[in-house]
C-alpha cells in the first residue's frame, strides 16, 4: 500500500513546481491523525526530510528550503502538497511523501523526480 505522488517535472532554476500526494484508501478515514512529510533523495546522497506537517498542522522545514517551500494538507481530499518556489539546481532529487501515525503505522509514496536545470 503506497501513497500516490504526482507532480514530477523538469523546471528551470527560479521556477516553481507543486507536488501532491494522495493517501491510500486504507487510511482515508483516519488521514487527519497522520503526520505527513516530504523527503527527497538527491543523486548519490541519502534521503533527507524536506518538510513536515503534523496532524495539528504544525510545520517544519529543512534549512535549505525554508522560505521557498510550503507544505500543506487537505484532510477532506486526503492529500498533502509541497509548493516549491525559487527552485535551485541543488533541489534536484527524487521526492517522496510519507505518512506516519502516532502508533507507528507508516506509508511511503513511490517517489517523483524533480529536475531543476541551471
PDB file of N, CA and C in Angstrom:
ATOM      1  N   UNK A   1       0.862  -1.183   0.000  1.00  0.00           N
ATOM      2  CA  UNK A   1       0.000   0.000   0.000  1.00  0.00           C
ATOM      3  C   UNK A   1       0.895   1.227   0.000  1.00  0.00           C
ATOM      4  N   UNK A   2       0.665   2.108  -0.910  1.00  0.00           N
ATOM      5  CA  UNK A   2       1.522   3.280  -1.044  1.00  0.00           C
ATOM      6  C   UNK A   2       0.702   4.549  -1.152  1.00  0.00           C
ATOM      7  N   UNK A   3       1.342   5.631  -0.763  1.00  0.00           N
ATOM      8  CA  UNK A   3       0.837   6.944  -1.119  1.00  0.00           C
ATOM      9  C   UNK A   3       1.105   7.143  -2.602  1.00  0.00           C
ATOM     10  N   UNK A   4       0.301   7.957  -3.243  1.00  0.00           N
ATOM     11  CA  UNK A   4       0.441   8.215  -4.678  1.00  0.00           C
ATOM     12  C   UNK A   4       0.862   9.661  -4.889  1.00  0.00           C
ATOM     13  N   UNK A   5       2.121   9.837  -5.280  1.00  0.00           N
ATOM     14  CA  UNK A   5       2.645  11.177  -5.501  1.00  0.00           C
ATOM     15  C   UNK A   5       2.556  11.543  -6.969  1.00  0.00           C
ATOM     16  N   UNK A   6       2.405  12.826  -7.224  1.00  0.00           N
ATOM     17  CA  UNK A   6       2.371  13.322  -8.597  1.00  0.00           C
ATOM     18  C   UNK A   6       2.978  14.712  -8.625  1.00  0.00           C
ATOM     19  N   UNK A   7       3.321  15.165  -9.849  1.00  0.00           N
ATOM     20  CA  UNK A   7       3.880  16.497  -9.997  1.00  0.00           C
ATOM     21  C   UNK A   7       5.315  16.513 -10.462  1.00  0.00           C
ATOM     22  N   UNK A   8       5.833  15.367 -10.903  1.00  0.00           N
ATOM     23  CA  UNK A   8       7.222  15.324 -11.347  1.00  0.00           C
ATOM     24  C   UNK A   8       7.418  16.264 -12.522  1.00  0.00           C
ATOM     25  N   UNK A   9       8.643  16.773 -12.661  1.00  0.00           N
ATOM     26  CA  UNK A   9       8.861  17.630 -13.802  1.00  0.00           C
ATOM     27  C   UNK A   9      10.257  18.165 -13.903  1.00  0.00           C
ATOM     28  N   UNK A  10      10.513  18.803 -15.033  1.00  0.00           N
ATOM     29  CA  UNK A  10      11.769  19.483 -15.314  1.00  0.00           C
ATOM     30  C   UNK A  10      11.468  20.966 -15.353  1.00  0.00           C
ATOM     31  N   UNK A  11      12.134  21.718 -14.488  1.00  0.00           N
ATOM     32  CA  UNK A  11      11.923  23.160 -14.439  1.00  0.00           C
ATOM     33  C   UNK A  11      13.257  23.871 -14.452  1.00  0.00           C
ATOM     34  N   UNK A  12      13.231  25.112 -14.854  1.00  0.00           N
ATOM     35  CA  UNK A  12      14.446  25.927 -14.834  1.00  0.00           C
ATOM     36  C   UNK A  12      14.649  26.529 -13.445  1.00  0.00           C
ATOM     37  N   UNK A  13      15.871  26.815 -13.142  1.00  0.00           N
ATOM     38  CA  UNK A  13      16.182  27.465 -11.870  1.00  0.00           C
ATOM     39  C   UNK A  13      15.360  28.742 -11.746  1.00  0.00           C
ATOM     40  N   UNK A  14      14.809  28.941 -10.557  1.00  0.00           N
ATOM     41  CA  UNK A  14      13.951  30.092 -10.315  1.00  0.00           C
ATOM     42  C   UNK A  14      12.480  29.801 -10.522  1.00  0.00           C
ATOM     43  N   UNK A  15      12.194  28.662 -11.097  1.00  0.00           N
ATOM     44  CA  UNK A  15      10.819  28.293 -11.366  1.00  0.00           C
ATOM     45  C   UNK A  15      10.122  27.669 -10.172  1.00  0.00           C
ATOM     46  N   UNK A  16       8.884  27.245 -10.408  1.00  0.00           N
ATOM     47  CA  UNK A  16       8.058  26.672  -9.341  1.00  0.00           C
ATOM     48  C   UNK A  16       7.468  25.348  -9.795  1.00  0.00           C
ATOM     49  N   UNK A  17       7.142  24.547  -8.814  1.00  0.00           N
ATOM     50  CA  UNK A  17       6.515  23.258  -9.076  1.00  0.00           C
ATOM     51  C   UNK A  17       5.723  22.865  -7.838  1.00  0.00           C
ATOM     52  N   UNK A  18       4.596  22.214  -8.049  1.00  0.00           N
ATOM     53  CA  UNK A  18       3.778  21.757  -6.928  1.00  0.00           C
ATOM     54  C   UNK A  18       3.645  20.245  -6.970  1.00  0.00           C
ATOM     55  N   UNK A  19       4.025  19.622  -5.893  1.00  0.00           N
ATOM     56  CA  UNK A  19       3.857  18.185  -5.760  1.00  0.00           C
ATOM     57  C   UNK A  19       2.615  17.905  -4.930  1.00  0.00           C
ATOM     58  N   UNK A  20       1.938  16.835  -5.264  1.00  0.00           N
ATOM     59  CA  UNK A  20       0.799  16.413  -4.451  1.00  0.00           C
ATOM     60  C   UNK A  20       0.932  14.927  -4.141  1.00  0.00           C
ATOM     61  N   UNK A  21       0.280  14.532  -3.096  1.00  0.00           N
ATOM     62  CA  UNK A  21       0.367  13.142  -2.653  1.00  0.00           C
ATOM     63  C   UNK A  21      -0.969  12.738  -2.065  1.00  0.00           C
ATOM     64  N   UNK A  22      -1.512  11.645  -2.563  1.00  0.00           N
ATOM     65  CA  UNK A  22      -2.809  11.159  -2.102  1.00  0.00           C
ATOM     66  C   UNK A  22      -2.628   9.959  -1.184  1.00  0.00           C
ATOM     67  N   UNK A  23      -3.391   9.940  -0.131  1.00  0.00           N
ATOM     68  CA  UNK A  23      -3.314   8.838   0.818  1.00  0.00           C
ATOM     69  C   UNK A  23      -3.972   7.591   0.243  1.00  0.00           C
ATOM     70  N   UNK A  24      -3.504   6.421   0.626  1.00  0.00           N
ATOM     71  CA  UNK A  24      -4.181   5.195   0.205  1.00  0.00           C
ATOM     72  C   UNK A  24      -5.535   5.086   0.900  1.00  0.00           C
ATOM     73  N   UNK A  25      -6.454   4.380   0.251  1.00  0.00           N
ATOM     74  CA  UNK A  25      -7.813   4.267   0.798  1.00  0.00           C
ATOM     75  C   UNK A  25      -7.836   3.622   2.176  1.00  0.00           C
ATOM     76  N   UNK A  26      -6.841   2.834   2.491  1.00  0.00           N
ATOM     77  CA  UNK A  26      -6.828   2.136   3.766  1.00  0.00           C
ATOM     78  C   UNK A  26      -6.745   3.086   4.956  1.00  0.00           C
ATOM     79  N   UNK A  27      -6.287   4.322   4.717  1.00  0.00           N
ATOM     80  CA  UNK A  27      -6.203   5.272   5.835  1.00  0.00           C
ATOM     81  C   UNK A  27      -7.079   6.489   5.609  1.00  0.00           C
ATOM     82  N   UNK A  28      -8.006   6.419   4.654  1.00  0.00           N
ATOM     83  CA  UNK A  28      -8.884   7.560   4.363  1.00  0.00           C
ATOM     84  C   UNK A  28      -9.591   8.055   5.612  1.00  0.00           C
ATOM     85  N   UNK A  29     -10.155   7.123   6.371  1.00  0.00           N
ATOM     86  CA  UNK A  29     -10.994   7.525   7.498  1.00  0.00           C
ATOM     87  C   UNK A  29     -10.191   8.121   8.639  1.00  0.00           C
ATOM     88  N   UNK A  30      -8.893   7.890   8.666  1.00  0.00           N
ATOM     89  CA  UNK A  30      -8.062   8.380   9.767  1.00  0.00           C
ATOM     90  C   UNK A  30      -6.938   9.269   9.275  1.00  0.00           C
ATOM     91  N   UNK A  31      -7.024   9.735   8.036  1.00  0.00           N
ATOM     92  CA  UNK A  31      -5.949  10.541   7.453  1.00  0.00           C
ATOM     93  C   UNK A  31      -5.598  11.728   8.333  1.00  0.00           C
ATOM     94  N   UNK A  32      -6.598  12.327   8.952  1.00  0.00           N
ATOM     95  CA  UNK A  32      -6.379  13.560   9.702  1.00  0.00           C
ATOM     96  C   UNK A  32      -5.434  13.369  10.893  1.00  0.00           C
ATOM     97  N   UNK A  33      -5.281  12.150  11.375  1.00  0.00           N
ATOM     98  CA  UNK A  33      -4.431  11.937  12.541  1.00  0.00           C
ATOM     99  C   UNK A  33      -2.981  11.612  12.156  1.00  0.00           C
ATOM    100  N   UNK A  34      -2.743  11.485  10.849  1.00  0.00           N
ATOM    101  CA  UNK A  34      -1.391  11.165  10.399  1.00  0.00           C
ATOM    102  C   UNK A  34      -0.555  12.437  10.265  1.00  0.00           C
ATOM    103  N   UNK A  35       0.690  12.346  10.703  1.00  0.00           N
ATOM    104  CA  UNK A  35       1.678  13.367  10.397  1.00  0.00           C
ATOM    105  C   UNK A  35       2.200  13.079   8.990  1.00  0.00           C
ATOM    106  N   UNK A  36       2.338  14.130   8.187  1.00  0.00           N
ATOM    107  CA  UNK A  36       2.741  13.973   6.797  1.00  0.00           C
ATOM    108  C   UNK A  36       4.080  14.664   6.549  1.00  0.00           C
ATOM    109  N   UNK A  37       4.828  14.118   5.620  1.00  0.00           N
ATOM    110  CA  UNK A  37       6.112  14.726   5.320  1.00  0.00           C
ATOM    111  C   UNK A  37       6.528  14.505   3.878  1.00  0.00           C
ATOM    112  N   UNK A  38       7.417  15.363   3.436  1.00  0.00           N
ATOM    113  CA  UNK A  38       8.070  15.200   2.135  1.00  0.00           C
ATOM    114  C   UNK A  38       9.560  15.015   2.383  1.00  0.00           C
ATOM    115  N   UNK A  39      10.113  13.992   1.775  1.00  0.00           N
ATOM    116  CA  UNK A  39      11.541  13.728   1.819  1.00  0.00           C
ATOM    117  C   UNK A  39      12.079  13.818   0.403  1.00  0.00           C
ATOM    118  N   UNK A  40      13.390  13.929   0.292  1.00  0.00           N
ATOM    119  CA  UNK A  40      13.998  13.873  -1.031  1.00  0.00           C
ATOM    120  C   UNK A  40      15.335  13.156  -0.961  1.00  0.00           C
ATOM    121  N   UNK A  41      15.700  12.584  -2.089  1.00  0.00           N
ATOM    122  CA  UNK A  41      16.985  11.888  -2.191  1.00  0.00           C
ATOM    123  C   UNK A  41      17.685  12.382  -3.445  1.00  0.00           C
ATOM    124  N   UNK A  42      18.668  13.270  -3.280  1.00  0.00           N
ATOM    125  CA  UNK A  42      19.439  13.733  -4.438  1.00  0.00           C
ATOM    126  C   UNK A  42      20.294  12.601  -4.994  1.00  0.00           C
ATOM    127  N   UNK A  43      20.757  12.732  -6.227  1.00  0.00           N
ATOM    128  CA  UNK A  43      21.617  11.687  -6.806  1.00  0.00           C
ATOM    129  C   UNK A  43      22.850  11.454  -5.950  1.00  0.00           C
ATOM    130  N   UNK A  44      23.079  10.198  -5.592  1.00  0.00           N
ATOM    131  CA  UNK A  44      24.266   9.847  -4.836  1.00  0.00           C
ATOM    132  C   UNK A  44      24.244  10.249  -3.374  1.00  0.00           C
ATOM    133  N   UNK A  45      23.104  10.678  -2.881  1.00  0.00           N
ATOM    134  CA  UNK A  45      23.020  11.132  -1.492  1.00  0.00           C
ATOM    135  C   UNK A  45      21.935  10.367  -0.743  1.00  0.00           C
ATOM    136  N   UNK A  46      21.891  10.587   0.567  1.00  0.00           N
ATOM    137  CA  UNK A  46      20.884   9.918   1.376  1.00  0.00           C
ATOM    138  C   UNK A  46      19.572  10.678   1.361  1.00  0.00           C
ATOM    139  N   UNK A  47      18.522   9.961   1.706  1.00  0.00           N
ATOM    140  CA  UNK A  47      17.220  10.596   1.796  1.00  0.00           C
ATOM    141  C   UNK A  47      17.197  11.556   2.981  1.00  0.00           C
ATOM    142  N   UNK A  48      16.573  12.716   2.777  1.00  0.00           N
ATOM    143  CA  UNK A  48      16.515  13.731   3.826  1.00  0.00           C
ATOM    144  C   UNK A  48      15.118  14.311   3.923  1.00  0.00           C
ATOM    145  N   UNK A  49      14.765  14.740   5.123  1.00  0.00           N
ATOM    146  CA  UNK A  49      13.471  15.370   5.335  1.00  0.00           C
ATOM    147  C   UNK A  49      13.493  16.785   4.782  1.00  0.00           C
ATOM    148  N   UNK A  50      12.486  17.123   3.991  1.00  0.00           N
ATOM    149  CA  UNK A  50      12.374  18.447   3.400  1.00  0.00           C
ATOM    150  C   UNK A  50      11.381  19.302   4.178  1.00  0.00           C
ATOM    151  N   UNK A  51      10.195  18.740   4.422  1.00  0.00           N
ATOM    152  CA  UNK A  51       9.144  19.485   5.107  1.00  0.00           C
ATOM    153  C   UNK A  51       8.198  18.505   5.773  1.00  0.00           C
ATOM    154  N   UNK A  52       7.596  18.943   6.851  1.00  0.00           N
ATOM    155  CA  UNK A  52       6.666  18.095   7.580  1.00  0.00           C
ATOM    156  C   UNK A  52       5.500  18.924   8.085  1.00  0.00           C
ATOM    157  N   UNK A  53       4.343  18.280   8.184  1.00  0.00           N
ATOM    158  CA  UNK A  53       3.159  18.929   8.751  1.00  0.00           C
ATOM    159  C   UNK A  53       2.466  17.904   9.636  1.00  0.00           C
ATOM    160  N   UNK A  54       2.217  18.304  10.863  1.00  0.00           N
ATOM    161  CA  UNK A  54       1.611  17.371  11.810  1.00  0.00           C
ATOM    162  C   UNK A  54       0.103  17.319  11.634  1.00  0.00           C
ATOM    163  N   UNK A  55      -0.520  16.417  12.374  1.00  0.00           N
ATOM    164  CA  UNK A  55      -1.974  16.336  12.348  1.00  0.00           C
ATOM    165  C   UNK A  55      -2.590  17.639  12.844  1.00  0.00           C
ATOM    166  N   UNK A  56      -1.864  18.355  13.681  1.00  0.00           N
ATOM    167  CA  UNK A  56      -2.333  19.641  14.175  1.00  0.00           C
ATOM    168  C   UNK A  56      -1.904  20.808  13.314  1.00  0.00           C
ATOM    169  N   UNK A  57      -1.343  20.499  12.139  1.00  0.00           N
ATOM    170  CA  UNK A  57      -0.946  21.497  11.134  1.00  0.00           C
ATOM    171  C   UNK A  57       0.281  22.326  11.537  1.00  0.00           C
ATOM    172  N   UNK A  58       1.055  21.845  12.480  1.00  0.00           N
ATOM    173  CA  UNK A  58       2.345  22.479  12.736  1.00  0.00           C
ATOM    174  C   UNK A  58       3.303  22.062  11.630  1.00  0.00           C
ATOM    175  N   UNK A  59       4.111  22.990  11.166  1.00  0.00           N
ATOM    176  CA  UNK A  59       5.007  22.719  10.047  1.00  0.00           C
ATOM    177  C   UNK A  59       6.465  22.882  10.456  1.00  0.00           C
ATOM    178  N   UNK A  60       7.322  22.189   9.717  1.00  0.00           N
ATOM    179  CA  UNK A  60       8.756  22.272   9.944  1.00  0.00           C
ATOM    180  C   UNK A  60       9.444  22.092   8.602  1.00  0.00           C
ATOM    181  N   UNK A  61      10.559  22.792   8.421  1.00  0.00           N
ATOM    182  CA  UNK A  61      11.253  22.764   7.134  1.00  0.00           C
ATOM    183  C   UNK A  61      12.750  22.579   7.330  1.00  0.00           C
ATOM    184  N   UNK A  62      13.368  21.946   6.363  1.00  0.00           N
ATOM    185  CA  UNK A  62      14.825  21.906   6.332  1.00  0.00           C
ATOM    186  C   UNK A  62      15.328  23.320   6.068  1.00  0.00           C
ATOM    187  N   UNK A  63      16.473  23.644   6.633  1.00  0.00           N
ATOM    188  CA  UNK A  63      17.022  24.990   6.455  1.00  0.00           C
ATOM    189  C   UNK A  63      17.204  25.339   4.976  1.00  0.00           C
ATOM    190  N   UNK A  64      17.537  24.342   4.183  1.00  0.00           N
ATOM    191  CA  UNK A  64      17.838  24.587   2.775  1.00  0.00           C
ATOM    192  C   UNK A  64      16.625  25.001   1.956  1.00  0.00           C
ATOM    193  N   UNK A  65      15.423  24.744   2.477  1.00  0.00           N
ATOM    194  CA  UNK A  65      14.215  25.075   1.708  1.00  0.00           C
ATOM    195  C   UNK A  65      13.328  26.085   2.426  1.00  0.00           C
ATOM    196  N   UNK A  66      13.667  26.404   3.658  1.00  0.00           N
ATOM    197  CA  UNK A  66      12.845  27.319   4.445  1.00  0.00           C
ATOM    198  C   UNK A  66      12.699  28.653   3.733  1.00  0.00           C
ATOM    199  N   UNK A  67      11.447  29.083   3.580  1.00  0.00           N
ATOM    200  CA  UNK A  67      11.170  30.336   2.892  1.00  0.00           C
ATOM    201  C   UNK A  67      10.910  30.164   1.405  1.00  0.00           C
ATOM    202  N   UNK A  68      11.217  28.985   0.867  1.00  0.00           N
ATOM    203  CA  UNK A  68      10.980  28.717  -0.558  1.00  0.00           C
ATOM    204  C   UNK A  68       9.899  27.658  -0.770  1.00  0.00           C
ATOM    205  N   UNK A  69       9.840  26.695   0.133  1.00  0.00           N
ATOM    206  CA  UNK A  69       8.874  25.597   0.016  1.00  0.00           C
ATOM    207  C   UNK A  69       7.775  25.763   1.057  1.00  0.00           C
ATOM    208  N   UNK A  70       6.571  25.313   0.709  1.00  0.00           N
ATOM    209  CA  UNK A  70       5.450  25.333   1.647  1.00  0.00           C
ATOM    210  C   UNK A  70       4.726  24.000   1.595  1.00  0.00           C
ATOM    211  N   UNK A  71       4.583  23.386   2.754  1.00  0.00           N
ATOM    212  CA  UNK A  71       3.823  22.143   2.853  1.00  0.00           C
ATOM    213  C   UNK A  71       2.425  22.461   3.367  1.00  0.00           C
ATOM    214  N   UNK A  72       1.439  21.769   2.823  1.00  0.00           N
ATOM    215  CA  UNK A  72       0.071  21.954   3.272  1.00  0.00           C
ATOM    216  C   UNK A  72      -0.675  20.632   3.142  1.00  0.00           C
ATOM    217  N   UNK A  73      -1.808  20.560   3.774  1.00  0.00           N
ATOM    218  CA  UNK A  73      -2.612  19.347   3.703  1.00  0.00           C
ATOM    219  C   UNK A  73      -4.078  19.706   3.557  1.00  0.00           C
ATOM    220  N   UNK A  74      -4.806  18.822   2.896  1.00  0.00           N
ATOM    221  CA  UNK A  74      -6.246  18.960   2.744  1.00  0.00           C
ATOM    222  C   UNK A  74      -6.856  17.671   3.255  1.00  0.00           C
ATOM    223  N   UNK A  75      -7.344  17.705   4.476  1.00  0.00           N
ATOM    224  CA  UNK A  75      -7.870  16.476   5.073  1.00  0.00           C
ATOM    225  C   UNK A  75      -9.134  15.991   4.373  1.00  0.00           C
ATOM    226  N   UNK A  76      -9.887  16.901   3.788  1.00  0.00           N
ATOM    227  CA  UNK A  76     -11.109  16.480   3.095  1.00  0.00           C
ATOM    228  C   UNK A  76     -10.785  15.712   1.820  1.00  0.00           C
ATOM    229  N   UNK A  77      -9.665  16.077   1.171  1.00  0.00           N
ATOM    230  CA  UNK A  77      -9.230  15.395  -0.048  1.00  0.00           C
ATOM    231  C   UNK A  77      -8.217  14.298   0.232  1.00  0.00           C
ATOM    232  N   UNK A  78      -7.789  14.159   1.491  1.00  0.00           N
ATOM    233  CA  UNK A  78      -6.789  13.152   1.886  1.00  0.00           C
ATOM    234  C   UNK A  78      -5.481  13.337   1.124  1.00  0.00           C
ATOM    235  N   UNK A  79      -5.058  14.599   1.014  1.00  0.00           N
ATOM    236  CA  UNK A  79      -3.861  14.898   0.239  1.00  0.00           C
ATOM    237  C   UNK A  79      -2.925  15.819   1.010  1.00  0.00           C
ATOM    238  N   UNK A  80      -1.669  15.728   0.645  1.00  0.00           N
ATOM    239  CA  UNK A  80      -0.664  16.655   1.143  1.00  0.00           C
ATOM    240  C   UNK A  80       0.053  17.238  -0.070  1.00  0.00           C
ATOM    241  N   UNK A  81       0.461  18.494   0.051  1.00  0.00           N
ATOM    242  CA  UNK A  81       1.061  19.204  -1.075  1.00  0.00           C
ATOM    243  C   UNK A  81       2.421  19.779  -0.669  1.00  0.00           C
ATOM    244  N   UNK A  82       3.253  19.976  -1.659  1.00  0.00           N
ATOM    245  CA  UNK A  82       4.511  20.686  -1.455  1.00  0.00           C
ATOM    246  C   UNK A  82       4.651  21.699  -2.584  1.00  0.00           C
ATOM    247  N   UNK A  83       4.482  22.957  -2.238  1.00  0.00           N
ATOM    248  CA  UNK A  83       4.691  24.039  -3.197  1.00  0.00           C
ATOM    249  C   UNK A  83       6.149  24.449  -3.146  1.00  0.00           C
ATOM    250  N   UNK A  84       6.826  24.363  -4.272  1.00  0.00           N
ATOM    251  CA  UNK A  84       8.254  24.648  -4.332  1.00  0.00           C
ATOM    252  C   UNK A  84       8.472  25.865  -5.235  1.00  0.00           C
ATOM    253  N   UNK A  85       8.986  26.921  -4.664  1.00  0.00           N
ATOM    254  CA  UNK A  85       9.274  28.153  -5.401  1.00  0.00           C
ATOM    255  C   UNK A  85      10.767  28.429  -5.397  1.00  0.00           C
ATOM    256  N   UNK A  86      11.178  29.301  -6.291  1.00  0.00           N
ATOM    257  CA  UNK A  86      12.587  29.697  -6.390  1.00  0.00           C
ATOM    258  C   UNK A  86      13.496  28.470  -6.406  1.00  0.00           C
ATOM    259  N   UNK A  87      13.154  27.533  -7.243  1.00  0.00           N
ATOM    260  CA  UNK A  87      13.892  26.273  -7.291  1.00  0.00           C
ATOM    261  C   UNK A  87      15.334  26.478  -7.734  1.00  0.00           C
ATOM    262  N   UNK A  88      16.194  25.653  -7.159  1.00  0.00           N
ATOM    263  CA  UNK A  88      17.618  25.699  -7.458  1.00  0.00           C
ATOM    264  C   UNK A  88      18.059  24.344  -7.999  1.00  0.00           C
ATOM    265  N   UNK A  89      19.162  24.323  -8.754  1.00  0.00           N
ATOM    266  CA  UNK A  89      19.645  23.024  -9.247  1.00  0.00           C
ATOM    267  C   UNK A  89      19.876  22.013  -8.131  1.00  0.00           C
ATOM    268  N   UNK A  90      20.273  22.489  -6.957  1.00  0.00           N
ATOM    269  CA  UNK A  90      20.512  21.554  -5.845  1.00  0.00           C
ATOM    270  C   UNK A  90      19.228  20.981  -5.259  1.00  0.00           C
ATOM    271  N   UNK A  91      18.071  21.444  -5.728  1.00  0.00           N
ATOM    272  CA  UNK A  91      16.804  20.835  -5.324  1.00  0.00           C
ATOM    273  C   UNK A  91      16.492  19.593  -6.156  1.00  0.00           C
ATOM    274  N   UNK A  92      17.303  19.330  -7.173  1.00  0.00           N
ATOM    275  CA  UNK A  92      17.104  18.147  -7.999  1.00  0.00           C
ATOM    276  C   UNK A  92      17.196  16.890  -7.148  1.00  0.00           C
ATOM    277  N   UNK A  93      16.148  16.078  -7.211  1.00  0.00           N
ATOM    278  CA  UNK A  93      16.089  14.882  -6.377  1.00  0.00           C
ATOM    279  C   UNK A  93      14.828  14.098  -6.706  1.00  0.00           C
ATOM    280  N   UNK A  94      14.771  12.891  -6.187  1.00  0.00           N
ATOM    281  CA  UNK A  94      13.515  12.151  -6.157  1.00  0.00           C
ATOM    282  C   UNK A  94      12.823  12.511  -4.851  1.00  0.00           C
ATOM    283  N   UNK A  95      11.598  12.962  -4.944  1.00  0.00           N
ATOM    284  CA  UNK A  95      10.836  13.407  -3.784  1.00  0.00           C
ATOM    285  C   UNK A  95       9.836  12.312  -3.383  1.00  0.00           C
ATOM    286  N   UNK A  96       9.788  12.053  -2.091  1.00  0.00           N
ATOM    287  CA  UNK A  96       8.903  11.024  -1.543  1.00  0.00           C
ATOM    288  C   UNK A  96       7.980  11.638  -0.502  1.00  0.00           C
ATOM    289  N   UNK A  97       6.722  11.247  -0.533  1.00  0.00           N
ATOM    290  CA  UNK A  97       5.830  11.655   0.545  1.00  0.00           C
ATOM    291  C   UNK A  97       5.734  10.531   1.566  1.00  0.00           C
ATOM    292  N   UNK A  98       5.409  10.913   2.770  1.00  0.00           N
ATOM    293  CA  UNK A  98       5.399   9.985   3.893  1.00  0.00           C
ATOM    294  C   UNK A  98       4.237  10.296   4.806  1.00  0.00           C
ATOM    295  N   UNK A  99       3.620   9.242   5.313  1.00  0.00           N
ATOM    296  CA  UNK A  99       2.541   9.390   6.288  1.00  0.00           C
ATOM    297  C   UNK A  99       2.882   8.525   7.492  1.00  0.00           C
ATOM    298  N   UNK A 100       2.744   9.089   8.678  1.00  0.00           N
ATOM    299  CA  UNK A 100       3.115   8.357   9.884  1.00  0.00           C
ATOM    300  C   UNK A 100       2.111   8.645  10.993  1.00  0.00           C
ATOM    301  N   UNK A 101       1.658   7.560  11.651  1.00  0.00           N
ATOM    302  CA  UNK A 101       0.726   7.747  12.759  1.00  0.00           C
ATOM    303  C   UNK A 101       1.461   7.656  14.085  1.00  0.00           C
ATOM    304  N   UNK A 102       0.821   8.056  15.134  1.00  0.00           N
ATOM    305  CA  UNK A 102       1.434   8.043  16.465  1.00  0.00           C
ATOM    306  C   UNK A 102       1.677   6.625  16.973  1.00  0.00           C
ATOM    307  N   UNK A 103       0.984   5.662  16.407  1.00  0.00           N
ATOM    308  CA  UNK A 103       1.194   4.276  16.849  1.00  0.00           C
ATOM    309  C   UNK A 103       2.211   3.542  15.978  1.00  0.00           C
ATOM    310  N   UNK A 104       2.812   4.275  15.012  1.00  0.00           N
ATOM    311  CA  UNK A 104       3.894   3.697  14.242  1.00  0.00           C
ATOM    312  C   UNK A 104       3.554   3.215  12.850  1.00  0.00           C
ATOM    313  N   UNK A 105       2.284   3.298  12.453  1.00  0.00           N
ATOM    314  CA  UNK A 105       1.948   2.954  11.070  1.00  0.00           C
ATOM    315  C   UNK A 105       2.599   3.967  10.133  1.00  0.00           C
ATOM    316  N   UNK A 106       3.181   3.470   9.054  1.00  0.00           N
ATOM    317  CA  UNK A 106       3.921   4.369   8.155  1.00  0.00           C
ATOM    318  C   UNK A 106       3.729   3.936   6.710  1.00  0.00           C
ATOM    319  N   UNK A 107       3.561   4.920   5.834  1.00  0.00           N
ATOM    320  CA  UNK A 107       3.400   4.686   4.406  1.00  0.00           C
ATOM    321  C   UNK A 107       4.326   5.628   3.644  1.00  0.00           C
ATOM    322  N   UNK A 108       4.813   5.134   2.493  1.00  0.00           N
ATOM    323  CA  UNK A 108       5.661   5.928   1.617  1.00  0.00           C
ATOM    324  C   UNK A 108       5.054   6.008   0.231  1.00  0.00           C
ATOM    325  N   UNK A 109       5.305   7.112  -0.456  1.00  0.00           N
ATOM    326  CA  UNK A 109       4.967   7.220  -1.855  1.00  0.00           C
ATOM    327  C   UNK A 109       6.047   6.577  -2.702  1.00  0.00           C
ATOM    328  N   UNK A 110       5.773   6.454  -3.986  1.00  0.00           N
ATOM    329  CA  UNK A 110       6.686   5.755  -4.889  1.00  0.00           C
ATOM    330  C   UNK A 110       7.845   6.621  -5.341  1.00  0.00           C
ATOM    331  N   UNK A 111       7.802   7.909  -5.017  1.00  0.00           N
ATOM    332  CA  UNK A 111       8.873   8.799  -5.437  1.00  0.00           C
ATOM    333  C   UNK A 111       8.547   9.468  -6.751  1.00  0.00           C
ATOM    334  N   UNK A 112       8.832  10.756  -6.817  1.00  0.00           N
ATOM    335  CA  UNK A 112       8.615  11.504  -8.051  1.00  0.00           C
ATOM    336  C   UNK A 112       9.839  12.365  -8.315  1.00  0.00           C
ATOM    337  N   UNK A 113      10.325  12.341  -9.548  1.00  0.00           N
ATOM    338  CA  UNK A 113      11.582  13.005  -9.886  1.00  0.00           C
ATOM    339  C   UNK A 113      11.357  14.479 -10.207  1.00  0.00           C
ATOM    340  N   UNK A 114      12.122  15.317  -9.556  1.00  0.00           N
ATOM    341  CA  UNK A 114      12.144  16.744  -9.848  1.00  0.00           C
ATOM    342  C   UNK A 114      13.545  17.106 -10.316  1.00  0.00           C
ATOM    343  N   UNK A 115      13.635  17.691 -11.498  1.00  0.00           N
ATOM    344  CA  UNK A 115      14.921  18.092 -12.057  1.00  0.00           C
ATOM    345  C   UNK A 115      14.896  19.590 -12.297  1.00  0.00           C
ATOM    346  N   UNK A 116      15.876  20.277 -11.727  1.00  0.00           N
ATOM    347  CA  UNK A 116      15.985  21.728 -11.878  1.00  0.00           C
ATOM    348  C   UNK A 116      17.237  22.027 -12.687  1.00  0.00           C
ATOM    349  N   UNK A 117      17.034  22.637 -13.833  1.00  0.00           N
ATOM    350  CA  UNK A 117      18.164  22.952 -14.710  1.00  0.00           C
ATOM    351  C   UNK A 117      18.675  24.360 -14.426  1.00  0.00           C
ATOM    352  N   UNK A 118      19.959  24.531 -14.599  1.00  0.00           N
ATOM    353  CA  UNK A 118      20.560  25.850 -14.330  1.00  0.00           C
ATOM    354  C   UNK A 118      20.520  26.745 -15.560  1.00  0.00           C
TER     355      UNK A 118
END
